[in-house]
Amino acid sequence: MRICFIAEGCYPYVVGGVSSWVHSMIKNFPNQEFILLTIVANREASGKFAYELPENVTEVYEVYLEDVDWGSVNKHNKTRLSEKEYHALRSLILNHEVEWDNIFEFFHKKNISLNQLLMGEDFYHAVLDAYNLQYPEIVFSDFLWTMRSMYLPLFFCLMAEIPKADVYHAVATGYAGVLGSMGKYFHSGQLIISEHGIYTREREEELIKAEWVQKVYKKIWIQQFRKMSKVSYERADIVTSLYQHAQELQIELGCPKEKTIVTPNGINYERFKELPQCPPEQKEYIHIGAVLRVTPIKDVKTMIQAFGYAKKREPKLKLWIMGPYNEDPDYAAECFRMVETMKIQDVEFTGRIQVTDYLGWMDVTILTSISEGQPLTILESYAAHVPVIATDVGNCRGLIEGEEDDFGRAGIITHIMNVGEIAEAMVYMARNPEERKAMGEAGYKRLMKRYKIEDMKQKYEEIYKECAERRNLEWEE
């Protein structure tokens, strides 16, 4: 069976939880052919893979949300819309019973000029209608240019070449979900949407916090992301989530309940059986490990600040920040400066690592993220019998306190961005070694009951088999 994974801003370019999951899925189904349809910011990312692709990945297609000088086109190549096409475009911009089939057909015509479309009369009049009906209080010229910039990445996706596949497996809604919907429309493939975080909610949170977007335009952008999620849910055959609350959010956002399935993450616990132990020169410390990308969403600054306070109370603490810091170099530089400015001792930035090289000598791991799904790093800690401090986001509370067992807590949950609370959790872990050990054992039991790679593979094998049956294909084990 030919399966097309569709991913935005992650695999195979960026190391992280979602990327690790995609890589694991491909490797766990070696007899299936996989192709990648990847969404990246621009051509600078082209071919710069952070992963070695498995042998059963046969093709990679790239879609760019920004592209080289879209305005430099043949001025004589006018994009003329028929009445049917204009009506479809208008439905998209007014967000009223969007005629997606007609939109897909229009953008798959040859020789469409995005310059002529976005700068042309048809787009102008559709935007003017939206303005008069919904936003007459703002400056029209600002509104028009905002709409052009907002629709440009979507239009790039709509113009993309969609490879033929039996199954389109999108790792989010949004742009990936739109591409998956196109694959289903043009090639009659099955469409699976697997959300690790709830894409629409994550974008809403980012926009609400963004200082560069005016309030009225935040609303417009949020509607745009909801629109893309709506078509993704409507066109999908199966929609998976990692935990029950995420499933409830999907249903709340318009996904039909009968399409939804909870498929928890799973890891290969065998990798963590015989880990290197703490070197003699490091045994004087109590080690706190953070396996993450040094990016704002992980809120590393709060972690550093909290560690600074905890270190004053427990001098034996040592913080290991383990993961790449090239994704957002400016933010990483701010984190480095923060350590220097606050004169915090015993903070190590390792860069990208093999987690198995370090996890065996950690006493506790920590996540201070402002957004998560169901973090693989928590499950990896449990595989090493290591307890976790985590903020109350995504499924972190469920992983730490348990949802379907009575093993007890496997760490400490804190509020996001609460420096005092996080520092207190670090100190508590340092001063209570016996409880720390018991928490690590509770985490290991929880992992073995519900979050093994075999459990995840079985769930997705059932899903893929169902898709194969609908396509009248034989499933090769």
Protein backbone atom coordinates (compact mmCIF):
# COMPACT_ATOMS: atom_id res chain seq x y z
CA MET A 1 0.00 0.00 0.00
CA ARG A 2 1.22 3.49 -0.83
CA ILE A 3 0.90 5.90 2.11
CA CYS A 4 1.55 9.64 1.79
CA PHE A 5 2.54 11.32 5.05
CA ILE A 6 1.76 15.05 5.03
CA ALA A 7 3.63 17.13 7.61
CA GLU A 8 4.01 20.87 8.20
CA GLY A 9 7.22 22.29 9.65
CA CYS A 10 8.52 19.09 11.22
CA TYR A 11 9.63 15.79 9.65
CA PRO A 12 12.18 15.28 8.20
CA TYR A 13 13.67 18.79 8.69
CA VAL A 14 13.31 19.36 12.43
CA VAL A 15 14.04 17.09 15.39
CA GLY A 16 11.14 16.84 17.83
CA GLY A 17 8.28 14.76 19.16
CA VAL A 18 6.07 14.80 16.05
CA SER A 19 9.05 14.16 13.77
CA SER A 20 10.13 11.22 15.95
CA TRP A 21 6.61 9.82 15.76
CA VAL A 22 6.49 10.01 11.94
CA HIS A 23 9.95 8.42 11.68
CA SER A 24 8.88 5.65 14.05
CA MET A 25 5.66 5.01 12.12
CA ILE A 26 7.50 4.62 8.81
CA LYS A 27 10.07 2.25 10.34
CA ASN A 28 7.36 0.18 12.02
CA PHE A 29 5.66 -0.59 8.69
CA PRO A 30 8.64 -1.63 6.52
CA ASN A 31 6.47 -3.48 3.98
CA GLN A 32 4.46 -0.38 3.10
CA GLU A 33 5.66 2.25 0.65
CA PHE A 34 5.74 5.77 2.10
CA ILE A 35 6.03 9.08 0.31
CA LEU A 36 6.41 12.44 2.04
CA LEU A 37 4.50 15.60 1.18
CA THR A 38 6.23 18.20 3.32
CA ILE A 39 5.23 21.80 4.02
CA VAL A 40 8.12 24.17 4.76
CA ALA A 41 8.48 27.93 4.96
CA ASN A 42 10.58 28.45 1.83
CA ARG A 43 13.15 26.94 -0.53
CA GLU A 44 16.02 27.55 1.91
CA ALA A 45 14.88 24.44 3.81
CA SER A 46 14.82 22.26 0.69
CA GLY A 47 16.54 18.92 1.20
CA LYS A 48 18.02 19.86 4.59
CA PHE A 49 16.90 16.76 6.43
CA ALA A 50 17.61 16.14 10.11
CA TYR A 51 16.74 12.44 9.71
CA GLU A 52 18.12 9.70 7.51
CA LEU A 53 15.06 8.56 5.58
CA PRO A 54 14.12 4.87 5.91
CA GLU A 55 14.44 2.71 2.79
CA ASN A 56 10.66 2.44 2.37
CA VAL A 57 10.40 6.21 1.76
CA THR A 58 10.45 6.39 -2.04
CA GLU A 59 9.66 10.05 -2.80
CA VAL A 60 9.70 13.47 -1.14
CA TYR A 61 7.57 16.38 -2.38
CA GLU A 62 8.03 19.87 -0.94
CA VAL A 63 5.44 22.66 -0.69
CA TYR A 64 6.64 26.18 0.17
CA LEU A 65 4.39 28.59 2.08
CA GLU A 66 6.58 31.44 0.81
CA ASP A 67 8.13 31.28 -2.63
CA VAL A 68 10.56 33.31 -4.67
CA ASP A 69 9.10 36.59 -5.87
CA TRP A 70 5.55 35.46 -6.61
CA GLY A 71 4.92 38.92 -8.10
CA SER A 72 7.33 38.55 -11.03
CA VAL A 73 5.13 36.92 -13.64
CA ASN A 74 4.13 37.50 -17.22
CA LYS A 75 1.81 40.49 -17.11
CA HIS A 76 -0.07 39.18 -20.15
CA ASN A 77 -0.89 35.90 -18.41
CA LYS A 78 -4.17 37.07 -16.88
CA THR A 79 -6.07 34.77 -14.55
CA ARG A 80 -9.71 35.05 -15.59
CA LEU A 81 -12.38 33.49 -13.42
CA SER A 82 -15.63 32.05 -14.69
CA GLU A 83 -18.81 32.82 -12.77
CA LYS A 84 -18.57 29.42 -11.08
CA GLU A 85 -14.93 30.00 -10.11
CA TYR A 86 -15.62 33.49 -8.78
CA HIS A 87 -18.51 32.18 -6.70
CA ALA A 88 -16.19 29.53 -5.21
CA LEU A 89 -13.46 32.10 -4.46
CA ARG A 90 -16.01 34.40 -2.85
CA SER A 91 -17.33 31.54 -0.67
CA LEU A 92 -13.77 30.91 0.52
CA ILE A 93 -13.09 34.54 1.41
CA LEU A 94 -16.49 35.15 3.01
CA ASN A 95 -16.20 31.75 4.75
CA HIS A 96 -19.77 30.88 3.79
CA GLU A 97 -20.42 27.26 2.72
CA VAL A 98 -17.00 27.07 1.08
CA GLU A 99 -17.13 25.32 -2.30
CA TRP A 100 -13.93 23.33 -1.78
CA ASP A 101 -14.37 21.02 -4.79
CA ASN A 102 -14.57 24.01 -7.14
CA ILE A 103 -11.61 25.64 -5.34
CA PHE A 104 -9.52 22.48 -5.81
CA GLU A 105 -10.43 22.29 -9.49
CA PHE A 106 -9.65 25.95 -10.15
CA PHE A 107 -6.19 25.85 -8.59
CA HIS A 108 -5.26 22.73 -10.50
CA LYS A 109 -5.57 24.53 -13.80
CA LYS A 110 -2.31 25.13 -15.60
CA ASN A 111 -0.71 28.58 -15.81
CA ILE A 112 -2.46 30.22 -12.88
CA SER A 113 -0.67 33.42 -11.91
CA LEU A 114 -0.93 34.15 -8.20
CA ASN A 115 0.15 37.71 -8.90
CA GLN A 116 -2.71 38.23 -11.35
CA LEU A 117 -5.16 36.49 -9.03
CA LEU A 118 -4.25 38.36 -5.83
CA MET A 119 -3.85 41.71 -7.57
CA GLY A 120 -6.79 41.19 -9.91
CA GLU A 121 -10.36 42.45 -9.92
CA ASP A 122 -12.01 39.18 -8.87
CA PHE A 123 -10.03 38.83 -5.65
CA TYR A 124 -10.46 42.57 -5.00
CA HIS A 125 -14.25 42.41 -5.33
CA ALA A 126 -14.56 39.28 -3.17
CA VAL A 127 -12.44 40.94 -0.46
CA LEU A 128 -14.50 44.14 -0.77
CA ASP A 129 -17.68 42.13 -0.17
CA ALA A 130 -16.14 40.56 2.95
CA TYR A 131 -15.02 43.99 4.12
CA ASN A 132 -18.43 45.63 3.66
CA LEU A 133 -20.27 42.75 5.32
CA GLN A 134 -17.94 42.07 8.24
CA TYR A 135 -15.22 44.70 8.82
CA PRO A 136 -16.34 48.16 7.61
CA GLU A 137 -14.78 49.85 10.67
CA ILE A 138 -11.14 49.27 9.61
CA VAL A 139 -9.00 50.81 6.84
CA PHE A 140 -9.75 48.96 3.59
CA SER A 141 -6.23 49.15 2.13
CA ASP A 142 -4.82 47.48 5.27
CA PHE A 143 -7.55 44.86 5.13
CA LEU A 144 -6.88 44.11 1.45
CA TRP A 145 -3.14 43.60 1.93
CA THR A 146 -3.74 41.46 5.02
CA MET A 147 -6.04 39.23 2.99
CA ARG A 148 -3.46 38.94 0.23
CA SER A 149 -0.74 37.92 2.67
CA MET A 150 -3.09 35.53 4.48
CA TYR A 151 -4.29 33.74 1.35
CA LEU A 152 -0.89 33.49 -0.34
CA PRO A 153 0.34 30.43 1.65
CA LEU A 154 -3.02 28.70 1.26
CA PHE A 155 -2.96 29.35 -2.49
CA PHE A 156 0.57 27.91 -2.72
CA CYS A 157 -0.78 24.74 -1.09
CA LEU A 158 -3.78 24.64 -3.40
CA MET A 159 -1.45 24.83 -6.42
CA ALA A 160 0.80 22.01 -5.16
CA GLU A 161 1.30 18.77 -7.04
CA ILE A 162 -0.45 16.04 -5.07
CA PRO A 163 1.20 12.62 -5.50
CA LYS A 164 -1.06 9.64 -6.02
CA ALA A 165 -1.47 7.44 -2.93
CA ASP A 166 -3.86 4.92 -1.41
CA VAL A 167 -3.82 6.70 1.95
CA TYR A 168 -3.08 10.32 2.83
CA HIS A 169 -1.96 10.59 6.45
CA ALA A 170 -1.83 14.21 7.59
CA VAL A 171 -0.08 14.94 10.89
CA ALA A 172 -2.34 17.94 11.58
CA THR A 173 -5.28 19.82 10.12
CA GLY A 174 -4.36 23.28 8.76
CA TYR A 175 -2.37 23.32 5.52
CA ALA A 176 -1.57 19.60 5.86
CA GLY A 177 -5.27 18.81 6.18
CA VAL A 178 -6.08 20.87 3.07
CA LEU A 179 -3.44 18.97 1.07
CA GLY A 180 -4.82 15.68 2.39
CA SER A 181 -8.33 16.74 1.37
CA MET A 182 -7.02 17.49 -2.12
CA GLY A 183 -5.38 14.06 -2.28
CA LYS A 184 -8.66 12.41 -1.41
CA TYR A 185 -10.54 14.54 -3.95
CA PHE A 186 -8.20 14.00 -6.91
CA HIS A 187 -7.00 10.44 -6.27
CA SER A 188 -9.83 8.93 -4.17
CA GLY A 189 -7.40 7.95 -1.40
CA GLN A 190 -8.39 7.45 2.20
CA LEU A 191 -7.63 10.40 4.50
CA ILE A 192 -6.34 10.00 8.06
CA ILE A 193 -5.76 13.05 10.26
CA SER A 194 -3.51 12.44 13.29
CA GLU A 195 -3.33 15.42 15.63
CA HIS A 196 -0.61 15.53 18.28
CA GLY A 197 -1.71 18.94 19.48
CA ILE A 198 -4.99 20.49 18.37
CA TYR A 199 -3.75 22.61 15.44
CA THR A 200 -6.53 25.21 15.56
CA ARG A 201 -6.18 25.77 19.30
CA GLU A 202 -2.39 26.06 19.06
CA ARG A 203 -2.65 28.68 16.32
CA GLU A 204 -5.29 30.57 18.33
CA GLU A 205 -3.01 30.62 21.39
CA GLU A 206 -0.11 31.92 19.30
CA LEU A 207 -2.24 34.65 17.72
CA ILE A 208 -3.77 35.79 21.00
CA LYS A 209 -0.28 36.27 22.46
CA ALA A 210 1.19 37.83 19.30
CA GLU A 211 1.94 41.52 19.74
CA TRP A 212 2.47 42.16 16.01
CA VAL A 213 -1.14 41.32 15.04
CA GLN A 214 -3.90 43.86 15.70
CA LYS A 215 -6.95 42.52 17.53
CA VAL A 216 -9.33 42.56 14.54
CA TYR A 217 -6.78 40.76 12.35
CA LYS A 218 -6.28 38.11 15.03
CA LYS A 219 -9.94 37.23 14.58
CA ILE A 220 -9.52 37.01 10.79
CA TRP A 221 -6.46 34.73 11.06
CA ILE A 222 -8.21 32.49 13.61
CA GLN A 223 -11.17 32.13 11.24
CA GLN A 224 -8.74 31.15 8.48
CA PHE A 225 -7.24 28.32 10.53
CA ARG A 226 -10.69 27.15 11.65
CA LYS A 227 -11.80 27.08 8.03
CA MET A 228 -8.90 24.78 7.09
CA SER A 229 -9.53 22.52 10.09
CA LYS A 230 -13.23 22.30 9.19
CA VAL A 231 -12.56 20.96 5.70
CA SER A 232 -9.94 18.58 7.11
CA TYR A 233 -12.41 17.08 9.57
CA GLU A 234 -15.20 16.95 6.99
CA ARG A 235 -13.10 15.16 4.36
CA ALA A 236 -11.23 12.82 6.73
CA ASP A 237 -12.19 9.17 7.02
CA ILE A 238 -10.46 8.70 10.38
CA VAL A 239 -9.29 11.35 12.87
CA THR A 240 -6.95 10.31 15.67
CA SER A 241 -5.93 12.08 18.87
CA LEU A 242 -3.49 11.13 21.61
CA TYR A 243 -5.82 11.36 24.61
CA GLN A 244 -9.48 11.76 25.51
CA HIS A 245 -9.56 15.52 26.14
CA ALA A 246 -7.98 16.15 22.72
CA GLN A 247 -10.69 13.97 21.17
CA GLU A 248 -13.33 16.07 22.94
CA LEU A 249 -11.74 19.26 21.55
CA GLN A 250 -11.81 17.82 18.02
CA ILE A 251 -15.53 17.09 18.36
CA GLU A 252 -16.12 20.58 19.81
CA LEU A 253 -14.34 22.07 16.77
CA GLY A 254 -16.66 20.25 14.38
CA CYS A 255 -15.22 16.78 13.81
CA PRO A 256 -17.96 14.11 13.63
CA LYS A 257 -17.61 11.93 16.73
CA GLU A 258 -17.85 8.68 14.77
CA LYS A 259 -14.63 9.51 12.90
CA THR A 260 -12.55 9.99 16.04
CA ILE A 261 -10.22 7.45 17.66
CA VAL A 262 -7.81 7.84 20.60
CA THR A 263 -4.40 6.39 19.72
CA PRO A 264 -1.84 7.09 22.48
CA ASN A 265 1.84 7.47 21.71
CA GLY A 266 4.12 4.50 22.17
CA ILE A 267 7.87 4.12 22.50
CA ASN A 268 10.40 1.31 22.19
CA TYR A 269 11.16 0.76 25.87
CA GLU A 270 13.83 -1.85 25.00
CA ARG A 271 16.16 1.01 23.96
CA PHE A 272 16.28 2.19 27.57
CA LYS A 273 17.09 -1.11 29.29
CA GLU A 274 20.86 -0.82 29.70
CA LEU A 275 21.68 2.87 29.81
CA PRO A 276 25.08 4.38 30.65
CA GLN A 277 25.13 5.37 34.31
CA CYS A 278 26.36 8.56 35.92
CA PRO A 279 30.14 9.07 35.53
CA PRO A 280 32.09 9.24 38.83
CA GLU A 281 32.91 12.93 38.38
CA GLN A 282 29.19 13.77 38.15
CA LYS A 283 27.94 11.79 41.15
CA GLU A 284 28.07 14.76 43.51
CA TYR A 285 25.15 16.38 41.64
CA ILE A 286 21.40 15.83 41.49
CA HIS A 287 20.79 15.91 37.75
CA ILE A 288 17.73 17.50 36.13
CA GLY A 289 17.42 16.80 32.41
CA ALA A 290 15.39 18.70 29.82
CA VAL A 291 15.16 16.95 26.44
CA LEU A 292 13.76 19.57 24.08
CA ARG A 293 14.29 22.00 21.23
CA VAL A 294 15.42 25.37 22.58
CA THR A 295 12.42 27.33 21.29
CA PRO A 296 9.89 29.75 22.85
CA ILE A 297 7.09 27.14 22.98
CA LYS A 298 9.25 25.08 25.37
CA ASP A 299 9.64 28.17 27.61
CA VAL A 300 13.27 27.42 28.44
CA LYS A 301 13.63 30.88 30.03
CA THR A 302 11.17 30.00 32.79
CA MET A 303 13.04 26.75 33.35
CA ILE A 304 16.38 28.57 33.67
CA GLN A 305 14.94 31.19 36.01
CA ALA A 306 13.33 28.52 38.21
CA PHE A 307 16.55 26.53 38.30
CA GLY A 308 18.42 29.65 39.39
CA TYR A 309 16.18 29.97 42.45
CA ALA A 310 16.24 26.24 43.20
CA LYS A 311 20.04 26.14 42.92
CA LYS A 312 20.37 28.70 45.72
CA ARG A 313 18.42 26.38 48.02
CA GLU A 314 19.93 23.11 46.78
CA PRO A 315 23.51 23.71 45.55
CA LYS A 316 23.89 20.10 44.36
CA LEU A 317 21.37 20.60 41.54
CA LYS A 318 22.63 20.55 37.95
CA LEU A 319 20.51 21.31 34.86
CA TRP A 320 21.11 19.65 31.50
CA ILE A 321 19.33 21.29 28.54
CA MET A 322 19.62 18.61 25.88
CA GLY A 323 18.54 19.28 22.34
CA PRO A 324 19.18 21.43 19.27
CA TYR A 325 19.31 25.22 19.56
CA ASN A 326 19.56 26.10 15.87
CA GLU A 327 15.80 26.27 15.18
CA ASP A 328 15.47 29.70 16.79
CA PRO A 329 19.04 31.05 17.24
CA ASP A 330 17.87 34.39 18.65
CA TYR A 331 15.86 32.72 21.40
CA ALA A 332 18.71 30.32 22.16
CA ALA A 333 21.12 33.28 22.45
CA GLU A 334 18.72 34.93 24.92
CA CYS A 335 18.74 31.74 27.00
CA PHE A 336 22.56 31.61 27.01
CA ARG A 337 22.68 35.28 28.06
CA MET A 338 20.15 34.67 30.79
CA VAL A 339 22.38 32.02 32.39
CA GLU A 340 25.34 34.42 32.26
CA THR A 341 23.42 37.49 33.48
CA MET A 342 21.85 35.63 36.40
CA LYS A 343 25.25 33.99 37.12
CA ILE A 344 23.66 30.56 37.41
CA GLN A 345 26.16 27.76 37.92
CA ASP A 346 25.86 24.20 36.55
CA VAL A 347 23.65 24.72 33.51
CA GLU A 348 24.80 22.68 30.50
CA PHE A 349 23.56 23.14 26.92
CA THR A 350 24.54 19.95 25.10
CA GLY A 351 23.04 20.55 21.65
CA ARG A 352 21.45 17.60 19.85
CA ILE A 353 22.14 14.29 21.59
CA GLN A 354 21.21 10.64 21.67
CA VAL A 355 18.84 10.64 24.63
CA THR A 356 20.02 7.16 25.65
CA ASP A 357 23.53 8.53 26.29
CA TYR A 358 22.31 10.81 29.10
CA LEU A 359 18.95 9.65 30.44
CA GLY A 360 20.43 6.88 32.62
CA TRP A 361 22.13 9.35 34.91
CA MET A 362 19.30 11.83 35.28
CA ASP A 363 17.52 11.93 38.64
CA VAL A 364 14.52 13.77 37.20
CA THR A 365 13.50 15.30 33.87
CA ILE A 366 11.58 18.50 33.27
CA LEU A 367 9.31 20.16 30.69
CA THR A 368 8.14 23.76 31.15
CA SER A 369 6.31 24.03 27.82
CA ILE A 370 3.42 26.38 27.18
CA SER A 371 1.93 23.87 24.72
CA GLU A 372 2.31 20.10 24.31
CA GLY A 373 0.41 17.09 23.07
CA GLN A 374 1.54 13.86 24.69
CA PRO A 375 5.30 14.34 25.03
CA LEU A 376 7.49 11.41 24.02
CA THR A 377 10.19 12.72 26.34
CA ILE A 378 7.97 11.93 29.34
CA LEU A 379 7.50 8.36 28.11
CA GLU A 380 11.24 8.03 27.50
CA SER A 381 11.89 9.18 31.07
CA TYR A 382 9.49 6.54 32.35
CA ALA A 383 11.29 3.87 30.31
CA ALA A 384 14.43 4.84 32.26
CA HIS A 385 12.51 4.80 35.59
CA VAL A 386 12.99 8.59 35.87
CA PRO A 387 10.22 10.86 37.28
CA VAL A 388 9.13 14.07 35.56
CA ILE A 389 8.31 17.68 36.43
CA ALA A 390 5.96 19.10 33.77
CA THR A 391 3.62 22.02 33.21
CA ASP A 392 -0.11 21.36 33.04
CA VAL A 393 -0.46 21.38 29.25
CA GLY A 394 -1.69 18.78 26.78
CA ASN A 395 -1.76 15.31 28.33
CA CYS A 396 1.09 15.93 30.81
CA ARG A 397 -1.23 15.67 33.81
CA GLY A 398 -2.69 12.41 32.52
CA LEU A 399 0.78 10.93 32.01
CA ILE A 400 2.02 12.00 35.44
CA GLU A 401 -1.06 11.36 37.58
CA GLY A 402 -2.55 8.50 35.56
CA GLU A 403 -5.87 8.17 33.76
CA GLU A 404 -6.61 4.44 33.75
CA ASP A 405 -4.49 3.05 36.59
CA ASP A 406 -3.79 3.39 40.30
CA PHE A 407 0.02 3.37 40.15
CA GLY A 408 0.27 6.79 41.78
CA ARG A 409 1.90 9.95 40.55
CA ALA A 410 5.05 9.72 38.45
CA GLY A 411 6.23 13.27 39.01
CA ILE A 412 4.97 16.77 39.76
CA ILE A 413 2.61 18.96 37.71
CA THR A 414 3.04 22.76 37.82
CA HIS A 415 1.29 25.73 36.25
CA ILE A 416 2.83 27.25 33.14
CA MET A 417 5.30 30.13 33.55
CA ASN A 418 5.15 29.79 37.35
CA VAL A 419 8.79 30.23 38.33
CA GLY A 420 8.23 29.77 42.06
CA GLU A 421 6.16 26.61 41.66
CA ILE A 422 8.64 25.03 39.24
CA ALA A 423 11.59 25.92 41.50
CA GLU A 424 9.75 24.37 44.45
CA ALA A 425 9.21 21.15 42.46
CA MET A 426 12.95 20.96 41.69
CA VAL A 427 13.82 21.42 45.37
CA TYR A 428 11.22 18.83 46.44
CA MET A 429 12.66 16.25 44.05
CA ALA A 430 16.18 16.96 45.29
CA ARG A 431 15.21 16.52 48.96
CA ASN A 432 13.06 13.39 48.60
CA PRO A 433 15.14 10.66 46.92
CA GLU A 434 12.93 7.77 48.06
CA GLU A 435 9.75 9.38 46.75
CA ARG A 436 11.63 10.32 43.58
CA LYS A 437 12.46 6.66 43.06
CA ALA A 438 8.87 5.57 43.73
CA MET A 439 7.62 8.11 41.18
CA GLY A 440 10.02 6.73 38.59
CA GLU A 441 8.71 3.20 39.18
CA ALA A 442 5.10 4.41 38.87
CA GLY A 443 5.98 5.98 35.54
CA TYR A 444 7.57 2.76 34.30
CA LYS A 445 4.46 0.74 35.21
CA ARG A 446 2.24 3.28 33.46
CA LEU A 447 4.37 3.11 30.32
CA MET A 448 4.30 -0.69 30.25
CA LYS A 449 0.53 -0.79 30.66
CA ARG A 450 -0.46 1.62 27.89
CA TYR A 451 2.34 3.37 25.99
CA LYS A 452 4.53 0.71 24.38
CA ILE A 453 5.43 0.92 20.69
CA GLU A 454 3.67 -2.42 20.16
CA ASP A 455 0.40 -0.91 21.41
CA MET A 456 0.67 2.05 19.04
CA LYS A 457 1.65 -0.15 16.10
CA GLN A 458 -1.32 -2.45 16.68
CA LYS A 459 -3.72 0.51 16.68
CA TYR A 460 -2.36 1.92 13.43
CA GLU A 461 -2.16 -1.49 11.80
CA GLU A 462 -5.90 -1.82 12.40
CA ILE A 463 -6.44 1.67 10.92
CA TYR A 464 -4.27 1.01 7.86
CA LYS A 465 -5.92 -2.39 7.31
CA GLU A 466 -9.34 -0.73 7.38
CA CYS A 467 -8.13 1.78 4.77
CA ALA A 468 -6.77 -1.06 2.62
CA GLU A 469 -10.11 -2.87 2.75
CA ARG A 470 -11.95 0.28 1.66
CA ARG A 471 -9.54 0.51 -1.29
CA ASN A 472 -9.91 -3.23 -2.07
CA LEU A 473 -6.20 -3.73 -1.45
CA GLU A 474 -4.43 -6.64 0.20
CA TRP A 475 -2.59 -5.74 3.39
CA GLU A 476 0.98 -6.99 3.44
CA GLU A 477 2.13 -7.80 6.98
